[in-house]
Amino acid sequence: MSDLSYAEKPNTHRIRNDGPGLFRAMVVVNETAGGDETVTEEQAGFTDKSISSNKWFRAYRIVLGPGEKSSSHQHKAPVVILQDTAGKGLGVGGMTFEFNEPGQWAYFDPGDRHQISNTGDSRLELIEVEVRRK
Protein backbone atom coordinates (compact mmCIF):
# COMPACT_ATOMS: atom_id res chain seq x y z
CA MET A 1 0.00 0.00 0.00
CA SER A 2 1.32 3.41 -0.91
CA ASP A 3 0.47 6.92 0.20
CA LEU A 4 2.17 8.44 -2.85
CA SER A 5 0.68 11.77 -3.96
CA TYR A 6 0.13 11.89 -7.70
CA ALA A 7 -1.33 15.38 -7.33
CA GLU A 8 2.03 16.80 -6.28
CA LYS A 9 4.28 14.85 -8.66
CA PRO A 10 3.36 12.48 -11.51
CA ASN A 11 4.65 8.93 -11.06
CA THR A 12 4.80 5.90 -13.33
CA HIS A 13 4.79 2.32 -12.07
CA ARG A 14 5.83 -0.93 -13.67
CA ILE A 15 3.85 -3.94 -12.48
CA ARG A 16 4.98 -7.50 -13.14
CA ASN A 17 3.17 -10.73 -12.42
CA ASP A 18 5.69 -13.33 -11.24
CA GLY A 19 3.03 -15.87 -10.26
CA PRO A 20 0.95 -18.37 -12.19
CA GLY A 21 -2.43 -16.72 -11.46
CA LEU A 22 -4.20 -13.53 -12.36
CA PHE A 23 -2.58 -10.40 -10.86
CA ARG A 24 -4.90 -7.62 -9.73
CA ALA A 25 -3.82 -4.06 -9.02
CA MET A 26 -6.49 -2.13 -7.13
CA VAL A 27 -6.43 1.67 -7.20
CA VAL A 28 -8.56 4.03 -5.12
CA VAL A 29 -8.53 7.62 -6.39
CA ASN A 30 -9.40 10.75 -4.43
CA GLU A 31 -9.88 13.76 -6.70
CA THR A 32 -10.50 16.23 -3.87
CA ALA A 33 -8.06 18.47 -2.02
CA GLY A 34 -8.07 15.96 0.82
CA GLY A 35 -9.79 15.79 4.14
CA ASP A 36 -9.71 17.32 7.56
CA GLU A 37 -6.66 15.74 9.21
CA THR A 38 -7.90 16.81 12.66
CA VAL A 39 -10.71 14.20 12.53
CA THR A 40 -9.55 11.40 14.83
CA GLU A 41 -9.82 7.72 13.97
CA GLU A 42 -12.55 7.34 16.58
CA GLN A 43 -14.51 10.31 15.18
CA ALA A 44 -14.15 8.78 11.69
CA GLY A 45 -15.77 5.53 12.88
CA PHE A 46 -12.70 3.32 13.35
CA THR A 47 -11.74 1.52 16.55
CA ASP A 48 -8.21 0.41 15.58
CA LYS A 49 -5.04 2.24 14.57
CA SER A 50 -4.64 2.91 10.84
CA ILE A 51 -1.95 1.12 8.82
CA SER A 52 -1.52 4.16 6.56
CA SER A 53 -2.79 7.72 6.67
CA ASN A 54 -2.44 10.98 4.77
CA LYS A 55 -4.77 13.86 3.93
CA TRP A 56 -6.46 11.87 1.12
CA PHE A 57 -6.81 8.39 2.65
CA ARG A 58 -6.77 6.48 5.91
CA ALA A 59 -6.53 2.67 5.73
CA TYR A 60 -7.17 -0.13 8.21
CA ARG A 61 -6.51 -3.88 8.06
CA ILE A 62 -9.44 -6.07 9.09
CA VAL A 63 -8.68 -9.69 10.04
CA LEU A 64 -11.60 -12.04 10.69
CA GLY A 65 -11.48 -15.71 11.64
CA PRO A 66 -14.10 -18.17 10.37
CA GLY A 67 -17.55 -17.06 11.55
CA GLU A 68 -16.30 -13.73 12.96
CA LYS A 69 -17.88 -10.35 12.21
CA SER A 70 -16.69 -6.78 12.53
CA SER A 71 -18.72 -4.50 14.71
CA SER A 72 -21.48 -2.68 12.86
CA HIS A 73 -20.04 0.76 12.15
CA GLN A 74 -20.29 3.86 9.97
CA HIS A 75 -17.92 6.57 8.80
CA LYS A 76 -18.11 10.29 8.05
CA ALA A 77 -16.39 9.72 4.67
CA PRO A 78 -16.93 7.17 1.91
CA VAL A 79 -15.06 3.87 2.35
CA VAL A 80 -13.81 1.23 -0.04
CA ILE A 81 -13.13 -2.28 1.28
CA LEU A 82 -10.65 -4.44 -0.65
CA GLN A 83 -10.24 -8.19 -0.13
CA ASP A 84 -6.55 -8.95 0.44
CA THR A 85 -6.52 -12.75 0.96
CA ALA A 86 -8.40 -15.82 -0.21
CA GLY A 87 -11.58 -16.57 1.70
CA LYS A 88 -15.29 -15.84 1.71
CA GLY A 89 -17.20 -13.02 3.34
CA LEU A 90 -19.95 -10.45 3.11
CA GLY A 91 -20.02 -6.67 3.44
CA VAL A 92 -23.56 -5.71 4.43
CA GLY A 93 -24.87 -2.14 4.61
CA GLY A 94 -26.98 -0.11 2.19
CA MET A 95 -25.95 -2.78 -0.32
CA THR A 96 -24.55 -6.29 0.13
CA PHE A 97 -21.16 -7.18 -1.35
CA GLU A 98 -19.66 -10.66 -1.61
CA PHE A 99 -15.99 -11.28 -0.94
CA ASN A 100 -14.86 -14.53 -2.56
CA GLU A 101 -11.35 -13.93 -3.91
CA PRO A 102 -8.53 -11.40 -3.56
CA GLY A 103 -9.36 -8.19 -5.41
CA GLN A 104 -13.09 -8.17 -4.61
CA TRP A 105 -14.29 -4.82 -3.28
CA ALA A 106 -17.18 -3.01 -1.62
CA TYR A 107 -18.13 0.67 -1.37
CA PHE A 108 -20.15 2.36 1.36
CA ASP A 109 -21.35 5.98 1.32
CA PRO A 110 -20.68 8.32 4.26
CA GLY A 111 -22.99 7.46 7.15
CA ASP A 112 -23.89 4.04 5.68
CA ARG A 113 -23.80 1.63 8.65
CA HIS A 114 -22.11 -1.60 7.58
CA GLN A 115 -20.68 -4.84 8.93
CA ILE A 116 -18.20 -7.31 7.49
CA SER A 117 -18.49 -11.04 8.18
CA ASN A 118 -16.31 -14.03 7.38
CA THR A 119 -18.63 -16.69 5.92
CA GLY A 120 -15.83 -19.09 5.01
CA ASP A 121 -13.72 -21.64 6.84
CA SER A 122 -10.38 -19.79 6.76
CA ARG A 123 -8.99 -16.44 7.91
CA LEU A 124 -10.15 -13.44 5.83
CA GLU A 125 -8.13 -10.21 5.53
CA LEU A 126 -9.46 -6.99 4.05
CA ILE A 127 -8.31 -3.38 3.87
CA GLU A 128 -10.86 -0.65 4.60
CA VAL A 129 -9.90 2.66 2.98
CA GLU A 130 -11.50 5.90 4.11
CA VAL A 131 -11.58 8.38 1.19
CA ARG A 132 -11.03 11.60 3.11
CA ARG A 133 -12.53 14.90 1.99
CA LYS A 134 -13.74 18.13 3.50
C-alpha atoms as a PDB file:
ATOM      1  CA  MET A   1       0.000   0.000   0.000  1.00  0.00           C
ATOM      2  CA  SER A   2       1.319   3.414  -0.914  1.00  0.00           C
ATOM      3  CA  ASP A   3       0.472   6.921   0.198  1.00  0.00           C
ATOM      4  CA  LEU A   4       2.166   8.440  -2.847  1.00  0.00           C
ATOM      5  CA  SER A   5       0.681  11.766  -3.958  1.00  0.00           C
ATOM      6  CA  TYR A   6       0.130  11.891  -7.701  1.00  0.00           C
ATOM      7  CA  ALA A   7      -1.333  15.381  -7.330  1.00  0.00           C
ATOM      8  CA  GLU A   8       2.034  16.802  -6.275  1.00  0.00           C
ATOM      9  CA  LYS A   9       4.280  14.852  -8.658  1.00  0.00           C
ATOM     10  CA  PRO A  10       3.360  12.478 -11.514  1.00  0.00           C
ATOM     11  CA  ASN A  11       4.646   8.927 -11.059  1.00  0.00           C
ATOM     12  CA  THR A  12       4.803   5.904 -13.329  1.00  0.00           C
ATOM     13  CA  HIS A  13       4.790   2.321 -12.074  1.00  0.00           C
ATOM     14  CA  ARG A  14       5.832  -0.926 -13.665  1.00  0.00           C
ATOM     15  CA  ILE A  15       3.850  -3.939 -12.484  1.00  0.00           C
ATOM     16  CA  ARG A  16       4.982  -7.500 -13.141  1.00  0.00           C
ATOM     17  CA  ASN A  17       3.166 -10.731 -12.420  1.00  0.00           C
ATOM     18  CA  ASP A  18       5.690 -13.329 -11.240  1.00  0.00           C
ATOM     19  CA  GLY A  19       3.033 -15.868 -10.256  1.00  0.00           C
ATOM     20  CA  PRO A  20       0.954 -18.365 -12.190  1.00  0.00           C
ATOM     21  CA  GLY A  21      -2.428 -16.718 -11.455  1.00  0.00           C
ATOM     22  CA  LEU A  22      -4.204 -13.528 -12.357  1.00  0.00           C
ATOM     23  CA  PHE A  23      -2.582 -10.399 -10.862  1.00  0.00           C
ATOM     24  CA  ARG A  24      -4.897  -7.622  -9.734  1.00  0.00           C
ATOM     25  CA  ALA A  25      -3.824  -4.061  -9.020  1.00  0.00           C
ATOM     26  CA  MET A  26      -6.493  -2.125  -7.127  1.00  0.00           C
ATOM     27  CA  VAL A  27      -6.431   1.666  -7.203  1.00  0.00           C
ATOM     28  CA  VAL A  28      -8.558   4.032  -5.122  1.00  0.00           C
ATOM     29  CA  VAL A  29      -8.528   7.620  -6.392  1.00  0.00           C
ATOM     30  CA  ASN A  30      -9.400  10.746  -4.425  1.00  0.00           C
ATOM     31  CA  GLU A  31      -9.881  13.759  -6.702  1.00  0.00           C
ATOM     32  CA  THR A  32     -10.499  16.229  -3.874  1.00  0.00           C
ATOM     33  CA  ALA A  33      -8.058  18.466  -2.024  1.00  0.00           C
ATOM     34  CA  GLY A  34      -8.067  15.959   0.816  1.00  0.00           C
ATOM     35  CA  GLY A  35      -9.791  15.788   4.141  1.00  0.00           C
ATOM     36  CA  ASP A  36      -9.709  17.317   7.558  1.00  0.00           C
ATOM     37  CA  GLU A  37      -6.663  15.744   9.211  1.00  0.00           C
ATOM     38  CA  THR A  38      -7.900  16.815  12.657  1.00  0.00           C
ATOM     39  CA  VAL A  39     -10.707  14.203  12.529  1.00  0.00           C
ATOM     40  CA  THR A  40      -9.552  11.404  14.827  1.00  0.00           C
ATOM     41  CA  GLU A  41      -9.817   7.722  13.969  1.00  0.00           C
ATOM     42  CA  GLU A  42     -12.545   7.344  16.583  1.00  0.00           C
ATOM     43  CA  GLN A  43     -14.508  10.313  15.179  1.00  0.00           C
ATOM     44  CA  ALA A  44     -14.152   8.777  11.690  1.00  0.00           C
ATOM     45  CA  GLY A  45     -15.766   5.526  12.877  1.00  0.00           C
ATOM     46  CA  PHE A  46     -12.703   3.319  13.347  1.00  0.00           C
ATOM     47  CA  THR A  47     -11.742   1.523  16.545  1.00  0.00           C
ATOM     48  CA  ASP A  48      -8.211   0.414  15.579  1.00  0.00           C
ATOM     49  CA  LYS A  49      -5.036   2.244  14.573  1.00  0.00           C
ATOM     50  CA  SER A  50      -4.637   2.912  10.843  1.00  0.00           C
ATOM     51  CA  ILE A  51      -1.952   1.118   8.819  1.00  0.00           C
ATOM     52  CA  SER A  52      -1.522   4.158   6.559  1.00  0.00           C
ATOM     53  CA  SER A  53      -2.787   7.720   6.674  1.00  0.00           C
ATOM     54  CA  ASN A  54      -2.439  10.981   4.768  1.00  0.00           C
ATOM     55  CA  LYS A  55      -4.772  13.862   3.934  1.00  0.00           C
ATOM     56  CA  TRP A  56      -6.459  11.868   1.115  1.00  0.00           C
ATOM     57  CA  PHE A  57      -6.812   8.388   2.648  1.00  0.00           C
ATOM     58  CA  ARG A  58      -6.770   6.476   5.913  1.00  0.00           C
ATOM     59  CA  ALA A  59      -6.534   2.671   5.727  1.00  0.00           C
ATOM     60  CA  TYR A  60      -7.168  -0.135   8.208  1.00  0.00           C
ATOM     61  CA  ARG A  61      -6.508  -3.877   8.061  1.00  0.00           C
ATOM     62  CA  ILE A  62      -9.442  -6.068   9.089  1.00  0.00           C
ATOM     63  CA  VAL A  63      -8.678  -9.687  10.038  1.00  0.00           C
ATOM     64  CA  LEU A  64     -11.596 -12.038  10.693  1.00  0.00           C
ATOM     65  CA  GLY A  65     -11.478 -15.708  11.645  1.00  0.00           C
ATOM     66  CA  PRO A  66     -14.100 -18.175  10.374  1.00  0.00           C
ATOM     67  CA  GLY A  67     -17.550 -17.057  11.546  1.00  0.00           C
ATOM     68  CA  GLU A  68     -16.301 -13.735  12.957  1.00  0.00           C
ATOM     69  CA  LYS A  69     -17.883 -10.350  12.213  1.00  0.00           C
ATOM     70  CA  SER A  70     -16.686  -6.782  12.530  1.00  0.00           C
ATOM     71  CA  SER A  71     -18.724  -4.498  14.710  1.00  0.00           C
ATOM     72  CA  SER A  72     -21.477  -2.677  12.856  1.00  0.00           C
ATOM     73  CA  HIS A  73     -20.040   0.763  12.152  1.00  0.00           C
ATOM     74  CA  GLN A  74     -20.288   3.860   9.970  1.00  0.00           C
ATOM     75  CA  HIS A  75     -17.923   6.569   8.800  1.00  0.00           C
ATOM     76  CA  LYS A  76     -18.113  10.288   8.045  1.00  0.00           C
ATOM     77  CA  ALA A  77     -16.389   9.725   4.674  1.00  0.00           C
ATOM     78  CA  PRO A  78     -16.926   7.170   1.906  1.00  0.00           C
ATOM     79  CA  VAL A  79     -15.056   3.867   2.354  1.00  0.00           C
ATOM     80  CA  VAL A  80     -13.807   1.226  -0.045  1.00  0.00           C
ATOM     81  CA  ILE A  81     -13.134  -2.282   1.284  1.00  0.00           C
ATOM     82  CA  LEU A  82     -10.653  -4.440  -0.645  1.00  0.00           C
ATOM     83  CA  GLN A  83     -10.236  -8.189  -0.126  1.00  0.00           C
ATOM     84  CA  ASP A  84      -6.548  -8.953   0.443  1.00  0.00           C
ATOM     85  CA  THR A  85      -6.515 -12.754   0.959  1.00  0.00           C
ATOM     86  CA  ALA A  86      -8.398 -15.821  -0.213  1.00  0.00           C
ATOM     87  CA  GLY A  87     -11.582 -16.571   1.699  1.00  0.00           C
ATOM     88  CA  LYS A  88     -15.286 -15.836   1.709  1.00  0.00           C
ATOM     89  CA  GLY A  89     -17.200 -13.023   3.340  1.00  0.00           C
ATOM     90  CA  LEU A  90     -19.946 -10.448   3.109  1.00  0.00           C
ATOM     91  CA  GLY A  91     -20.023  -6.673   3.444  1.00  0.00           C
ATOM     92  CA  VAL A  92     -23.565  -5.706   4.433  1.00  0.00           C
ATOM     93  CA  GLY A  93     -24.865  -2.142   4.610  1.00  0.00           C
ATOM     94  CA  GLY A  94     -26.978  -0.106   2.188  1.00  0.00           C
ATOM     95  CA  MET A  95     -25.949  -2.783  -0.324  1.00  0.00           C
ATOM     96  CA  THR A  96     -24.553  -6.287   0.129  1.00  0.00           C
ATOM     97  CA  PHE A  97     -21.156  -7.176  -1.348  1.00  0.00           C
ATOM     98  CA  GLU A  98     -19.664 -10.664  -1.611  1.00  0.00           C
ATOM     99  CA  PHE A  99     -15.990 -11.275  -0.936  1.00  0.00           C
ATOM    100  CA  ASN A 100     -14.859 -14.533  -2.555  1.00  0.00           C
ATOM    101  CA  GLU A 101     -11.346 -13.928  -3.914  1.00  0.00           C
ATOM    102  CA  PRO A 102      -8.531 -11.397  -3.561  1.00  0.00           C
ATOM    103  CA  GLY A 103      -9.362  -8.189  -5.408  1.00  0.00           C
ATOM    104  CA  GLN A 104     -13.093  -8.173  -4.614  1.00  0.00           C
ATOM    105  CA  TRP A 105     -14.291  -4.824  -3.284  1.00  0.00           C
ATOM    106  CA  ALA A 106     -17.176  -3.014  -1.621  1.00  0.00           C
ATOM    107  CA  TYR A 107     -18.133   0.667  -1.371  1.00  0.00           C
ATOM    108  CA  PHE A 108     -20.148   2.364   1.356  1.00  0.00           C
ATOM    109  CA  ASP A 109     -21.355   5.978   1.319  1.00  0.00           C
ATOM    110  CA  PRO A 110     -20.678   8.322   4.256  1.00  0.00           C
ATOM    111  CA  GLY A 111     -22.990   7.464   7.151  1.00  0.00           C
ATOM    112  CA  ASP A 112     -23.891   4.042   5.680  1.00  0.00           C
ATOM    113  CA  ARG A 113     -23.795   1.629   8.648  1.00  0.00           C
ATOM    114  CA  HIS A 114     -22.108  -1.600   7.578  1.00  0.00           C
ATOM    115  CA  GLN A 115     -20.676  -4.841   8.925  1.00  0.00           C
ATOM    116  CA  ILE A 116     -18.198  -7.313   7.487  1.00  0.00           C
ATOM    117  CA  SER A 117     -18.489 -11.036   8.178  1.00  0.00           C
ATOM    118  CA  ASN A 118     -16.312 -14.032   7.382  1.00  0.00           C
ATOM    119  CA  THR A 119     -18.630 -16.687   5.921  1.00  0.00           C
ATOM    120  CA  GLY A 120     -15.831 -19.090   5.015  1.00  0.00           C
ATOM    121  CA  ASP A 121     -13.719 -21.639   6.844  1.00  0.00           C
ATOM    122  CA  SER A 122     -10.380 -19.788   6.757  1.00  0.00           C
ATOM    123  CA  ARG A 123      -8.989 -16.436   7.906  1.00  0.00           C
ATOM    124  CA  LEU A 124     -10.148 -13.437   5.831  1.00  0.00           C
ATOM    125  CA  GLU A 125      -8.125 -10.213   5.533  1.00  0.00           C
ATOM    126  CA  LEU A 126      -9.462  -6.991   4.054  1.00  0.00           C
ATOM    127  CA  ILE A 127      -8.314  -3.380   3.875  1.00  0.00           C
ATOM    128  CA  GLU A 128     -10.863  -0.651   4.599  1.00  0.00           C
ATOM    129  CA  VAL A 129      -9.903   2.660   2.976  1.00  0.00           C
ATOM    130  CA  GLU A 130     -11.499   5.897   4.114  1.00  0.00           C
ATOM    131  CA  VAL A 131     -11.577   8.380   1.194  1.00  0.00           C
ATOM    132  CA  ARG A 132     -11.028  11.604   3.113  1.00  0.00           C
ATOM    133  CA  ARG A 133     -12.526  14.895   1.986  1.00  0.00           C
ATOM    134  CA  LYS A 134     -13.741  18.126   3.504  1.00  0.00           C
END
